[in-house]
PDB file of N, CA and C in Angstrom:
ATOM      1  N   TRP A   1     -50.026 -47.785  73.255  1.00  0.00           N
ATOM      2  CA  TRP A   1     -51.118 -48.263  73.763  1.00  0.00           C
ATOM      3  C   TRP A   1     -51.244 -47.336  75.262  1.00  0.00           C
ATOM      4  N   LYS A   2     -50.626 -47.185  76.028  1.00  0.00           N
ATOM      5  CA  LYS A   2     -50.537 -46.571  77.092  1.00  0.00           C
ATOM      6  C   LYS A   2     -51.251 -45.342  77.319  1.00  0.00           C
ATOM      7  N   LEU A   3     -50.374 -44.497  75.854  1.00  0.00           N
ATOM      8  CA  LEU A   3     -51.307 -43.042  75.728  1.00  0.00           C
ATOM      9  C   LEU A   3     -52.739 -42.913  75.905  1.00  0.00           C
ATOM     10  N   GLU A   4     -53.207 -44.008  74.832  1.00  0.00           N
ATOM     11  CA  GLU A   4     -54.281 -44.497  74.501  1.00  0.00           C
ATOM     12  C   GLU A   4     -55.118 -44.626  75.729  1.00  0.00           C
ATOM     13  N   ALA A   5     -54.698 -45.506  76.827  1.00  0.00           N
ATOM     14  CA  ALA A   5     -55.340 -45.858  77.966  1.00  0.00           C
ATOM     15  C   ALA A   5     -55.747 -44.695  78.797  1.00  0.00           C
ATOM     16  N   VAL A   6     -54.740 -44.059  78.827  1.00  0.00           N
ATOM     17  CA  VAL A   6     -54.546 -42.647  79.768  1.00  0.00           C
ATOM     18  C   VAL A   6     -55.682 -41.907  79.158  1.00  0.00           C
ATOM     19  N   ALA A   7     -55.483 -41.257  77.903  1.00  0.00           N
ATOM     20  CA  ALA A   7     -56.782 -40.448  77.601  1.00  0.00           C
ATOM     21  C   ALA A   7     -57.881 -40.751  77.553  1.00  0.00           C
ATOM     22  N   ALA A   8     -58.355 -42.218  77.480  1.00  0.00           N
ATOM     23  CA  ALA A   8     -59.637 -42.775  77.591  1.00  0.00           C
ATOM     24  C   ALA A   8     -59.955 -42.644  78.707  1.00  0.00           C
ATOM     25  N   ARG A   9     -59.054 -42.916  79.857  1.00  0.00           N
ATOM     26  CA  ARG A   9     -59.350 -42.672  81.010  1.00  0.00           C
ATOM     27  C   ARG A   9     -59.657 -41.088  81.469  1.00  0.00           C
ATOM     28  N   ALA A  10     -58.850 -40.344  80.956  1.00  0.00           N
ATOM     29  CA  ALA A  10     -58.839 -38.584  80.946  1.00  0.00           C
ATOM     30  C   ALA A  10     -60.150 -38.129  80.283  1.00  0.00           C
ATOM     31  N   GLU A  11     -61.021 -38.575  79.187  1.00  0.00           N
ATOM     32  CA  GLU A  11     -61.834 -38.305  78.632  1.00  0.00           C
ATOM     33  C   GLU A  11     -63.227 -39.013  79.032  1.00  0.00           C
ATOM     34  N   THR A  12     -63.388 -39.448  79.898  1.00  0.00           N
ATOM     35  CA  THR A  12     -64.438 -40.114  80.259  1.00  0.00           C
ATOM     36  C   THR A  12     -65.436 -39.536  81.556  1.00  0.00           C
ATOM     37  N   GLY A  13     -66.563 -39.133  81.394  1.00  0.00           N
ATOM     38  CA  GLY A  13     -67.434 -38.518  82.285  1.00  0.00           C
ATOM     39  C   GLY A  13     -67.381 -36.756  81.971  1.00  0.00           C
ATOM     40  N   LEU A  14     -67.052 -36.260  80.390  1.00  0.00           N
ATOM     41  CA  LEU A  14     -67.080 -35.158  80.473  1.00  0.00           C
ATOM     42  C   LEU A  14     -68.151 -34.703  79.730  1.00  0.00           C
ATOM     43  N   THR A  15     -68.578 -33.534  79.967  1.00  0.00           N
ATOM     44  CA  THR A  15     -69.767 -32.801  79.387  1.00  0.00           C
ATOM     45  C   THR A  15     -69.213 -31.788  78.077  1.00  0.00           C
ATOM     46  N   TYR A  16     -69.883 -32.223  76.762  1.00  0.00           N
ATOM     47  CA  TYR A  16     -69.433 -31.328  75.619  1.00  0.00           C
ATOM     48  C   TYR A  16     -69.860 -29.947  75.680  1.00  0.00           C
ATOM     49  N   LEU A  17     -69.128 -29.085  75.327  1.00  0.00           N
ATOM     50  CA  LEU A  17     -69.559 -27.450  75.691  1.00  0.00           C
ATOM     51  C   LEU A  17     -69.603 -26.692  74.637  1.00  0.00           C
ATOM     52  N   GLY A  18     -68.744 -27.215  73.526  1.00  0.00           N
ATOM     53  CA  GLY A  18     -68.745 -26.548  71.947  1.00  0.00           C
ATOM     54  C   GLY A  18     -67.391 -26.513  71.479  1.00  0.00           C
ATOM     55  N   VAL A  19     -67.185 -26.131  70.349  1.00  0.00           N
ATOM     56  CA  VAL A  19     -66.232 -26.287  69.498  1.00  0.00           C
ATOM     57  C   VAL A  19     -65.834 -24.820  69.180  1.00  0.00           C
ATOM     58  N   THR A  20     -64.407 -24.782  68.946  1.00  0.00           N
ATOM     59  CA  THR A  20     -64.218 -23.621  68.271  1.00  0.00           C
ATOM     60  C   THR A  20     -62.866 -23.760  67.432  1.00  0.00           C
ATOM     61  N   ALA A  21     -62.605 -22.954  66.010  1.00  0.00           N
ATOM     62  CA  ALA A  21     -62.049 -23.123  65.705  1.00  0.00           C
ATOM     63  C   ALA A  21     -61.004 -21.494  65.296  1.00  0.00           C
ATOM     64  N   LEU A  22     -59.817 -21.559  64.914  1.00  0.00           N
ATOM     65  CA  LEU A  22     -59.242 -20.074  64.271  1.00  0.00           C
ATOM     66  C   LEU A  22     -58.580 -20.501  63.187  1.00  0.00           C
ATOM     67  N   GLU A  23     -58.431 -19.428  62.446  1.00  0.00           N
ATOM     68  CA  GLU A  23     -57.437 -19.365  61.306  1.00  0.00           C
ATOM     69  C   GLU A  23     -56.747 -17.747  61.118  1.00  0.00           C
ATOM     70  N   ASP A  24     -55.568 -18.273  61.143  1.00  0.00           N
ATOM     71  CA  ASP A  24     -54.413 -17.417  60.621  1.00  0.00           C
ATOM     72  C   ASP A  24     -54.095 -17.032  59.263  1.00  0.00           C
ATOM     73  N   ARG A  25     -54.817 -16.557  58.681  1.00  0.00           N
ATOM     74  CA  ARG A  25     -54.589 -16.042  57.334  1.00  0.00           C
ATOM     75  C   ARG A  25     -53.447 -15.157  56.909  1.00  0.00           C
ATOM     76  N   LEU A  26     -52.985 -15.803  56.160  1.00  0.00           N
ATOM     77  CA  LEU A  26     -52.071 -14.827  55.418  1.00  0.00           C
ATOM     78  C   LEU A  26     -52.387 -13.085  55.289  1.00  0.00           C
ATOM     79  N   GLN A  27     -51.302 -12.184  54.994  1.00  0.00           N
ATOM     80  CA  GLN A  27     -51.702 -11.114  54.759  1.00  0.00           C
ATOM     81  C   GLN A  27     -51.805 -10.582  53.498  1.00  0.00           C
ATOM     82  N   ASP A  28     -52.475  -9.722  52.724  1.00  0.00           N
ATOM     83  CA  ASP A  28     -52.702  -9.643  51.393  1.00  0.00           C
ATOM     84  C   ASP A  28     -51.634  -9.986  50.224  1.00  0.00           C
ATOM     85  N   HIS A  29     -50.501  -9.346  51.159  1.00  0.00           N
ATOM     86  CA  HIS A  29     -49.279  -9.195  49.827  1.00  0.00           C
ATOM     87  C   HIS A  29     -48.227 -10.311  50.077  1.00  0.00           C
ATOM     88  N   VAL A  30     -48.776 -11.369  50.759  1.00  0.00           N
ATOM     89  CA  VAL A  30     -47.893 -12.060  50.601  1.00  0.00           C
ATOM     90  C   VAL A  30     -47.568 -13.063  49.889  1.00  0.00           C
ATOM     91  N   PRO A  31     -48.179 -13.627  48.782  1.00  0.00           N
ATOM     92  CA  PRO A  31     -48.002 -14.306  47.862  1.00  0.00           C
ATOM     93  C   PRO A  31     -47.325 -13.318  46.563  1.00  0.00           C
ATOM     94  N   LYS A  32     -47.807 -12.152  46.438  1.00  0.00           N
ATOM     95  CA  LYS A  32     -46.949 -11.595  45.806  1.00  0.00           C
ATOM     96  C   LYS A  32     -45.100 -10.900  46.101  1.00  0.00           C
ATOM     97  N   THR A  33     -45.490 -11.086  47.763  1.00  0.00           N
ATOM     98  CA  THR A  33     -43.982 -10.545  47.757  1.00  0.00           C
ATOM     99  C   THR A  33     -43.246 -11.930  47.786  1.00  0.00           C
ATOM    100  N   VAL A  34     -43.516 -13.120  47.913  1.00  0.00           N
ATOM    101  CA  VAL A  34     -42.785 -14.421  47.988  1.00  0.00           C
ATOM    102  C   VAL A  34     -42.236 -14.350  46.203  1.00  0.00           C
ATOM    103  N   ALA A  35     -43.193 -13.884  45.655  1.00  0.00           N
ATOM    104  CA  ALA A  35     -43.046 -14.216  44.184  1.00  0.00           C
ATOM    105  C   ALA A  35     -41.622 -13.127  43.391  1.00  0.00           C
ATOM    106  N   MET A  36     -41.624 -12.429  43.973  1.00  0.00           N
ATOM    107  CA  MET A  36     -40.770 -10.951  44.016  1.00  0.00           C
ATOM    108  C   MET A  36     -39.657 -11.385  44.528  1.00  0.00           C
ATOM    109  N   LEU A  37     -39.498 -12.219  45.484  1.00  0.00           N
ATOM    110  CA  LEU A  37     -38.302 -12.495  46.208  1.00  0.00           C
ATOM    111  C   LEU A  37     -37.797 -13.528  45.260  1.00  0.00           C
ATOM    112  N   ARG A  38     -38.623 -14.670  44.714  1.00  0.00           N
ATOM    113  CA  ARG A  38     -38.148 -15.576  44.420  1.00  0.00           C
ATOM    114  C   ARG A  38     -37.682 -15.412  42.784  1.00  0.00           C
ATOM    115  N   SER A  39     -38.041 -14.092  41.974  1.00  0.00           N
ATOM    116  CA  SER A  39     -37.432 -13.638  40.870  1.00  0.00           C
ATOM    117  C   SER A  39     -36.359 -12.821  40.993  1.00  0.00           C
ATOM    118  N   ALA A  40     -36.108 -12.548  42.144  1.00  0.00           N
ATOM    119  CA  ALA A  40     -34.680 -11.891  42.454  1.00  0.00           C
ATOM    120  C   ALA A  40     -33.684 -12.692  42.969  1.00  0.00           C
ATOM    121  N   GLY A  41     -33.851 -13.962  42.754  1.00  0.00           N
ATOM    122  CA  GLY A  41     -33.030 -15.083  43.270  1.00  0.00           C
ATOM    123  C   GLY A  41     -32.932 -15.354  44.500  1.00  0.00           C
ATOM    124  N   ILE A  42     -33.610 -14.893  45.537  1.00  0.00           N
ATOM    125  CA  ILE A  42     -33.731 -15.090  47.039  1.00  0.00           C
ATOM    126  C   ILE A  42     -34.396 -16.239  46.919  1.00  0.00           C
ATOM    127  N   ARG A  43     -33.525 -17.063  47.766  1.00  0.00           N
ATOM    128  CA  ARG A  43     -34.042 -18.563  48.241  1.00  0.00           C
ATOM    129  C   ARG A  43     -35.075 -18.372  49.664  1.00  0.00           C
ATOM    130  N   VAL A  44     -36.210 -18.728  49.192  1.00  0.00           N
ATOM    131  CA  VAL A  44     -37.318 -18.576  50.669  1.00  0.00           C
ATOM    132  C   VAL A  44     -37.272 -20.150  50.911  1.00  0.00           C
ATOM    133  N   TRP A  45     -37.046 -19.949  52.413  1.00  0.00           N
ATOM    134  CA  TRP A  45     -37.518 -21.304  53.138  1.00  0.00           C
ATOM    135  C   TRP A  45     -38.307 -21.428  54.312  1.00  0.00           C
ATOM    136  N   VAL A  46     -38.818 -22.706  54.645  1.00  0.00           N
ATOM    137  CA  VAL A  46     -40.254 -22.706  55.840  1.00  0.00           C
ATOM    138  C   VAL A  46     -39.486 -23.837  56.978  1.00  0.00           C
ATOM    139  N   LEU A  47     -39.102 -22.705  57.471  1.00  0.00           N
ATOM    140  CA  LEU A  47     -38.772 -23.507  59.072  1.00  0.00           C
ATOM    141  C   LEU A  47     -40.201 -23.631  60.208  1.00  0.00           C
ATOM    142  N   THR A  48     -40.330 -24.943  60.605  1.00  0.00           N
ATOM    143  CA  THR A  48     -41.316 -24.257  61.146  1.00  0.00           C
ATOM    144  C   THR A  48     -41.603 -25.621  62.423  1.00  0.00           C
ATOM    145  N   GLY A  49     -41.965 -25.571  63.752  1.00  0.00           N
ATOM    146  CA  GLY A  49     -42.356 -26.557  64.390  1.00  0.00           C
ATOM    147  C   GLY A  49     -43.919 -26.669  64.293  1.00  0.00           C
ATOM    148  N   ASP A  50     -44.534 -26.229  63.427  1.00  0.00           N
ATOM    149  CA  ASP A  50     -46.167 -27.260  62.986  1.00  0.00           C
ATOM    150  C   ASP A  50     -46.229 -27.935  62.346  1.00  0.00           C
ATOM    151  N   LYS A  51     -47.539 -28.680  62.301  1.00  0.00           N
ATOM    152  CA  LYS A  51     -47.110 -29.604  61.496  1.00  0.00           C
ATOM    153  C   LYS A  51     -46.990 -29.688  60.106  1.00  0.00           C
ATOM    154  N   ALA A  52     -46.454 -30.846  59.546  1.00  0.00           N
ATOM    155  CA  ALA A  52     -45.821 -30.677  58.240  1.00  0.00           C
ATOM    156  C   ALA A  52     -46.771 -30.582  57.434  1.00  0.00           C
ATOM    157  N   GLU A  53     -48.190 -30.935  57.272  1.00  0.00           N
ATOM    158  CA  GLU A  53     -49.266 -30.829  56.567  1.00  0.00           C
ATOM    159  C   GLU A  53     -49.561 -29.408  56.559  1.00  0.00           C
ATOM    160  N   THR A  54     -49.790 -28.901  57.636  1.00  0.00           N
ATOM    161  CA  THR A  54     -49.855 -27.286  57.913  1.00  0.00           C
ATOM    162  C   THR A  54     -49.171 -26.492  57.220  1.00  0.00           C
ATOM    163  N   ALA A  55     -47.449 -26.455  57.240  1.00  0.00           N
ATOM    164  CA  ALA A  55     -46.449 -26.078  56.163  1.00  0.00           C
ATOM    165  C   ALA A  55     -46.609 -26.127  55.018  1.00  0.00           C
ATOM    166  N   VAL A  56     -47.081 -27.336  54.787  1.00  0.00           N
ATOM    167  CA  VAL A  56     -47.357 -27.349  53.190  1.00  0.00           C
ATOM    168  C   VAL A  56     -48.247 -26.550  52.688  1.00  0.00           C
ATOM    169  N   GLU A  57     -49.408 -26.661  53.402  1.00  0.00           N
ATOM    170  CA  GLU A  57     -50.600 -26.086  53.008  1.00  0.00           C
ATOM    171  C   GLU A  57     -50.331 -24.332  53.003  1.00  0.00           C
ATOM    172  N   ILE A  58     -49.586 -23.618  53.779  1.00  0.00           N
ATOM    173  CA  ILE A  58     -49.232 -22.457  53.847  1.00  0.00           C
ATOM    174  C   ILE A  58     -48.387 -22.066  53.128  1.00  0.00           C
ATOM    175  N   ALA A  59     -47.379 -23.033  52.393  1.00  0.00           N
ATOM    176  CA  ALA A  59     -46.399 -22.548  51.734  1.00  0.00           C
ATOM    177  C   ALA A  59     -46.944 -22.607  50.189  1.00  0.00           C
ATOM    178  N   LYS A  60     -48.113 -23.570  49.849  1.00  0.00           N
ATOM    179  CA  LYS A  60     -48.678 -23.296  48.675  1.00  0.00           C
ATOM    180  C   LYS A  60     -49.846 -21.962  48.583  1.00  0.00           C
ATOM    181  N   SER A  61     -50.578 -21.526  50.062  1.00  0.00           N
ATOM    182  CA  SER A  61     -51.096 -20.601  49.761  1.00  0.00           C
ATOM    183  C   SER A  61     -50.378 -19.228  49.733  1.00  0.00           C
ATOM    184  N   CYS A  62     -48.941 -19.213  49.964  1.00  0.00           N
ATOM    185  CA  CYS A  62     -48.133 -17.954  49.858  1.00  0.00           C
ATOM    186  C   CYS A  62     -47.452 -18.405  48.490  1.00  0.00           C
ATOM    187  N   LYS A  63     -47.882 -19.450  47.867  1.00  0.00           N
ATOM    188  CA  LYS A  63     -47.145 -19.528  46.404  1.00  0.00           C
ATOM    189  C   LYS A  63     -45.759 -19.451  46.418  1.00  0.00           C
ATOM    190  N   LEU A  64     -45.319 -20.207  47.649  1.00  0.00           N
ATOM    191  CA  LEU A  64     -43.992 -20.633  47.637  1.00  0.00           C
ATOM    192  C   LEU A  64     -43.719 -21.972  47.208  1.00  0.00           C
ATOM    193  N   ILE A  65     -44.346 -22.428  47.423  1.00  0.00           N
ATOM    194  CA  ILE A  65     -44.319 -24.208  46.582  1.00  0.00           C
ATOM    195  C   ILE A  65     -45.609 -24.174  45.548  1.00  0.00           C
ATOM    196  N   ASP A  66     -45.178 -25.235  44.451  1.00  0.00           N
ATOM    197  CA  ASP A  66     -46.141 -25.288  43.621  1.00  0.00           C
ATOM    198  C   ASP A  66     -46.117 -26.742  43.050  1.00  0.00           C
ATOM    199  N   ASP A  67     -47.481 -27.083  42.052  1.00  0.00           N
ATOM    200  CA  ASP A  67     -47.369 -28.334  41.799  1.00  0.00           C
ATOM    201  C   ASP A  67     -46.509 -28.638  41.022  1.00  0.00           C
ATOM    202  N   GLY A  68     -45.515 -29.999  41.285  1.00  0.00           N
ATOM    203  CA  GLY A  68     -44.424 -30.613  40.472  1.00  0.00           C
ATOM    204  C   GLY A  68     -43.051 -30.287  41.095  1.00  0.00           C
ATOM    205  N   MET A  69     -43.321 -29.257  42.374  1.00  0.00           N
ATOM    206  CA  MET A  69     -41.924 -29.250  42.915  1.00  0.00           C
ATOM    207  C   MET A  69     -41.512 -30.260  43.944  1.00  0.00           C
ATOM    208  N   HIS A  70     -40.106 -30.289  44.013  1.00  0.00           N
ATOM    209  CA  HIS A  70     -39.401 -31.608  44.637  1.00  0.00           C
ATOM    210  C   HIS A  70     -39.606 -30.734  46.277  1.00  0.00           C
ATOM    211  N   LEU A  71     -40.155 -31.598  47.115  1.00  0.00           N
ATOM    212  CA  LEU A  71     -40.079 -31.279  48.754  1.00  0.00           C
ATOM    213  C   LEU A  71     -39.301 -32.402  49.570  1.00  0.00           C
ATOM    214  N   VAL A  72     -38.265 -31.532  50.342  1.00  0.00           N
ATOM    215  CA  VAL A  72     -37.570 -32.477  51.118  1.00  0.00           C
ATOM    216  C   VAL A  72     -38.175 -32.261  52.646  1.00  0.00           C
ATOM    217  N   ARG A  73     -38.362 -33.441  53.685  1.00  0.00           N
ATOM    218  CA  ARG A  73     -38.855 -32.917  55.116  1.00  0.00           C
ATOM    219  C   ARG A  73     -37.804 -33.897  55.677  1.00  0.00           C
ATOM    220  N   VAL A  74     -37.140 -33.115  56.687  1.00  0.00           N
ATOM    221  CA  VAL A  74     -36.386 -33.763  57.381  1.00  0.00           C
ATOM    222  C   VAL A  74     -37.011 -33.520  58.963  1.00  0.00           C
ATOM    223  N   VAL A  75     -36.952 -34.841  59.858  1.00  0.00           N
ATOM    224  CA  VAL A  75     -37.608 -35.038  60.783  1.00  0.00           C
ATOM    225  C   VAL A  75     -36.526 -35.805  61.889  1.00  0.00           C
ATOM    226  N   GLY A  76     -36.335 -34.852  62.838  1.00  0.00           N
ATOM    227  CA  GLY A  76     -35.326 -36.057  64.576  1.00  0.00           C
ATOM    228  C   GLY A  76     -34.166 -35.438  64.195  1.00  0.00           C
ATOM    229  N   ALA A  77     -33.751 -34.262  63.600  1.00  0.00           N
ATOM    230  CA  ALA A  77     -32.441 -33.841  63.794  1.00  0.00           C
ATOM    231  C   ALA A  77     -32.076 -33.389  64.733  1.00  0.00           C
ATOM    232  N   SER A  78     -30.948 -33.630  65.377  1.00  0.00           N
ATOM    233  CA  SER A  78     -30.327 -33.322  66.560  1.00  0.00           C
ATOM    234  C   SER A  78     -29.512 -32.607  66.470  1.00  0.00           C
ATOM    235  N   SER A  79     -29.117 -31.909  65.501  1.00  0.00           N
ATOM    236  CA  SER A  79     -27.655 -30.998  65.237  1.00  0.00           C
ATOM    237  C   SER A  79     -28.090 -30.433  64.088  1.00  0.00           C
ATOM    238  N   PRO A  80     -26.969 -29.384  63.600  1.00  0.00           N
ATOM    239  CA  PRO A  80     -27.244 -28.851  62.354  1.00  0.00           C
ATOM    240  C   PRO A  80     -26.593 -29.872  61.471  1.00  0.00           C
ATOM    241  N   GLY A  81     -25.669 -30.762  61.874  1.00  0.00           N
ATOM    242  CA  GLY A  81     -24.998 -31.204  60.971  1.00  0.00           C
ATOM    243  C   GLY A  81     -25.327 -32.653  60.191  1.00  0.00           C
ATOM    244  N   ASP A  82     -26.787 -32.945  61.369  1.00  0.00           N
ATOM    245  CA  ASP A  82     -27.384 -34.156  60.975  1.00  0.00           C
ATOM    246  C   ASP A  82     -28.622 -33.316  60.100  1.00  0.00           C
ATOM    247  N   CYS A  83     -29.047 -32.369  60.279  1.00  0.00           N
ATOM    248  CA  CYS A  83     -30.039 -31.773  59.210  1.00  0.00           C
ATOM    249  C   CYS A  83     -29.471 -31.353  57.710  1.00  0.00           C
ATOM    250  N   VAL A  84     -27.892 -30.961  58.075  1.00  0.00           N
ATOM    251  CA  VAL A  84     -27.541 -30.724  56.594  1.00  0.00           C
ATOM    252  C   VAL A  84     -27.069 -32.162  55.989  1.00  0.00           C
ATOM    253  N   ASP A  85     -26.812 -33.120  56.615  1.00  0.00           N
ATOM    254  CA  ASP A  85     -26.525 -34.306  55.961  1.00  0.00           C
ATOM    255  C   ASP A  85     -27.754 -34.636  55.347  1.00  0.00           C
ATOM    256  N   SER A  86     -28.777 -34.557  55.704  1.00  0.00           N
ATOM    257  CA  SER A  86     -30.361 -35.084  55.789  1.00  0.00           C
ATOM    258  C   SER A  86     -30.371 -34.450  54.444  1.00  0.00           C
ATOM    259  N   LEU A  87     -30.261 -33.070  54.424  1.00  0.00           N
ATOM    260  CA  LEU A  87     -30.867 -32.156  53.729  1.00  0.00           C
ATOM    261  C   LEU A  87     -30.249 -32.198  51.911  1.00  0.00           C
ATOM    262  N   ALA A  88     -28.575 -32.573  52.694  1.00  0.00           N
ATOM    263  CA  ALA A  88     -27.873 -32.878  51.000  1.00  0.00           C
ATOM    264  C   ALA A  88     -28.795 -34.587  50.202  1.00  0.00           C
ATOM    265  N   GLU A  89     -28.986 -35.228  51.232  1.00  0.00           N
ATOM    266  CA  GLU A  89     -29.356 -36.344  50.662  1.00  0.00           C
ATOM    267  C   GLU A  89     -30.482 -36.361  50.290  1.00  0.00           C
ATOM    268  N   GLY A  90     -31.523 -35.729  50.779  1.00  0.00           N
ATOM    269  CA  GLY A  90     -32.643 -35.589  49.862  1.00  0.00           C
ATOM    270  C   GLY A  90     -32.979 -34.750  48.841  1.00  0.00           C
ATOM    271  N   ALA A  91     -32.095 -33.628  48.787  1.00  0.00           N
ATOM    272  CA  ALA A  91     -31.288 -32.850  47.548  1.00  0.00           C
ATOM    273  C   ALA A  91     -30.795 -33.768  46.483  1.00  0.00           C
ATOM    274  N   ASP A  92     -30.336 -34.942  46.789  1.00  0.00           N
ATOM    275  CA  ASP A  92     -29.780 -35.882  45.452  1.00  0.00           C
ATOM    276  C   ASP A  92     -30.938 -36.541  45.175  1.00  0.00           C
ATOM    277  N   GLY A  93     -31.715 -36.819  45.693  1.00  0.00           N
ATOM    278  CA  GLY A  93     -32.777 -37.583  45.756  1.00  0.00           C
ATOM    279  C   GLY A  93     -32.728 -38.917  46.280  1.00  0.00           C
ATOM    280  N   ALA A  94     -32.170 -39.301  46.977  1.00  0.00           N
ATOM    281  CA  ALA A  94     -31.804 -40.347  47.538  1.00  0.00           C
ATOM    282  C   ALA A  94     -32.872 -40.446  48.980  1.00  0.00           C
ATOM    283  N   SER A  95     -33.461 -41.816  49.110  1.00  0.00           N
ATOM    284  CA  SER A  95     -34.317 -41.970  50.335  1.00  0.00           C
ATOM    285  C   SER A  95     -33.250 -41.931  51.502  1.00  0.00           C
ATOM    286  N   ALA A  96     -33.219 -41.411  52.170  1.00  0.00           N
ATOM    287  CA  ALA A  96     -32.439 -41.228  53.575  1.00  0.00           C
ATOM    288  C   ALA A  96     -32.772 -41.675  54.998  1.00  0.00           C
ATOM    289  N   LYS A  97     -31.878 -42.401  55.418  1.00  0.00           N
ATOM    290  CA  LYS A  97     -32.169 -42.661  57.023  1.00  0.00           C
ATOM    291  C   LYS A  97     -30.914 -42.649  57.359  1.00  0.00           C
ATOM    292  N   VAL A  98     -30.769 -41.372  58.079  1.00  0.00           N
ATOM    293  CA  VAL A  98     -29.529 -41.363  58.736  1.00  0.00           C
ATOM    294  C   VAL A  98     -29.295 -41.076  60.123  1.00  0.00           C
ATOM    295  N   LYS A  99     -28.648 -41.902  60.758  1.00  0.00           N
ATOM    296  CA  LYS A  99     -28.372 -41.752  62.089  1.00  0.00           C
ATOM    297  C   LYS A  99     -29.704 -41.491  62.723  1.00  0.00           C
ATOM    298  N   GLY A 100     -30.812 -42.275  62.416  1.00  0.00           N
ATOM    299  CA  GLY A 100     -31.989 -42.653  62.900  1.00  0.00           C
ATOM    300  C   GLY A 100     -32.930 -41.304  62.404  1.00  0.00           C
ATOM    301  N   LEU A 101     -32.617 -40.398  61.743  1.00  0.00           N
ATOM    302  CA  LEU A 101     -33.434 -39.657  61.024  1.00  0.00           C
ATOM    303  C   LEU A 101     -34.238 -39.821  59.933  1.00  0.00           C
ATOM    304  N   SER A 102     -35.104 -39.678  59.800  1.00  0.00           N
ATOM    305  CA  SER A 102     -36.254 -39.828  58.379  1.00  0.00           C
ATOM    306  C   SER A 102     -36.116 -38.537  57.863  1.00  0.00           C
ATOM    307  N   VAL A 103     -35.809 -38.969  56.424  1.00  0.00           N
ATOM    308  CA  VAL A 103     -36.028 -37.632  55.438  1.00  0.00           C
ATOM    309  C   VAL A 103     -37.375 -38.145  54.403  1.00  0.00           C
ATOM    310  N   SER A 104     -38.131 -37.615  54.120  1.00  0.00           N
ATOM    311  CA  SER A 104     -39.494 -37.989  53.377  1.00  0.00           C
ATOM    312  C   SER A 104     -39.311 -37.056  52.257  1.00  0.00           C
ATOM    313  N   GLN A 105     -39.546 -37.568  51.256  1.00  0.00           N
ATOM    314  CA  GLN A 105     -39.707 -36.646  49.729  1.00  0.00           C
ATOM    315  C   GLN A 105     -41.004 -36.796  49.096  1.00  0.00           C
ATOM    316  N   GLY A 106     -41.593 -35.892  48.583  1.00  0.00           N
ATOM    317  CA  GLY A 106     -42.402 -36.166  47.151  1.00  0.00           C
ATOM    318  C   GLY A 106     -42.827 -35.076  46.667  1.00  0.00           C
ATOM    319  N   MET A 107     -43.828 -34.946  45.790  1.00  0.00           N
ATOM    320  CA  MET A 107     -43.989 -34.004  44.737  1.00  0.00           C
ATOM    321  C   MET A 107     -45.125 -33.540  45.500  1.00  0.00           C
ATOM    322  N   VAL A 108     -45.182 -31.834  45.100  1.00  0.00           N
ATOM    323  CA  VAL A 108     -46.650 -31.773  45.614  1.00  0.00           C
ATOM    324  C   VAL A 108     -47.719 -31.672  44.553  1.00  0.00           C
TER     325      VAL A 108
END
């Protein structure tokens, strides 16, 4: 609630100037390239600091993931070991809360 109060104070008395949006499109052959890598048995991962929703949409658009795929999302890992443990639990289909980490799973 403190953040909301600060934001409300900071956003008072402003004059609206406009809106802008950016779109960073994939290059033309990315979906085909990802498909070729996967068909060659190469595992492709998405590692990002972006919002999870954005990462999922990008992964869908480049055909890295598709409907029915099992997704595992690790949030808050503070060490490689924590991350590996969480990924292992997620891969086993277990709902995980390990050392304060959250692992959410879902189907695309």
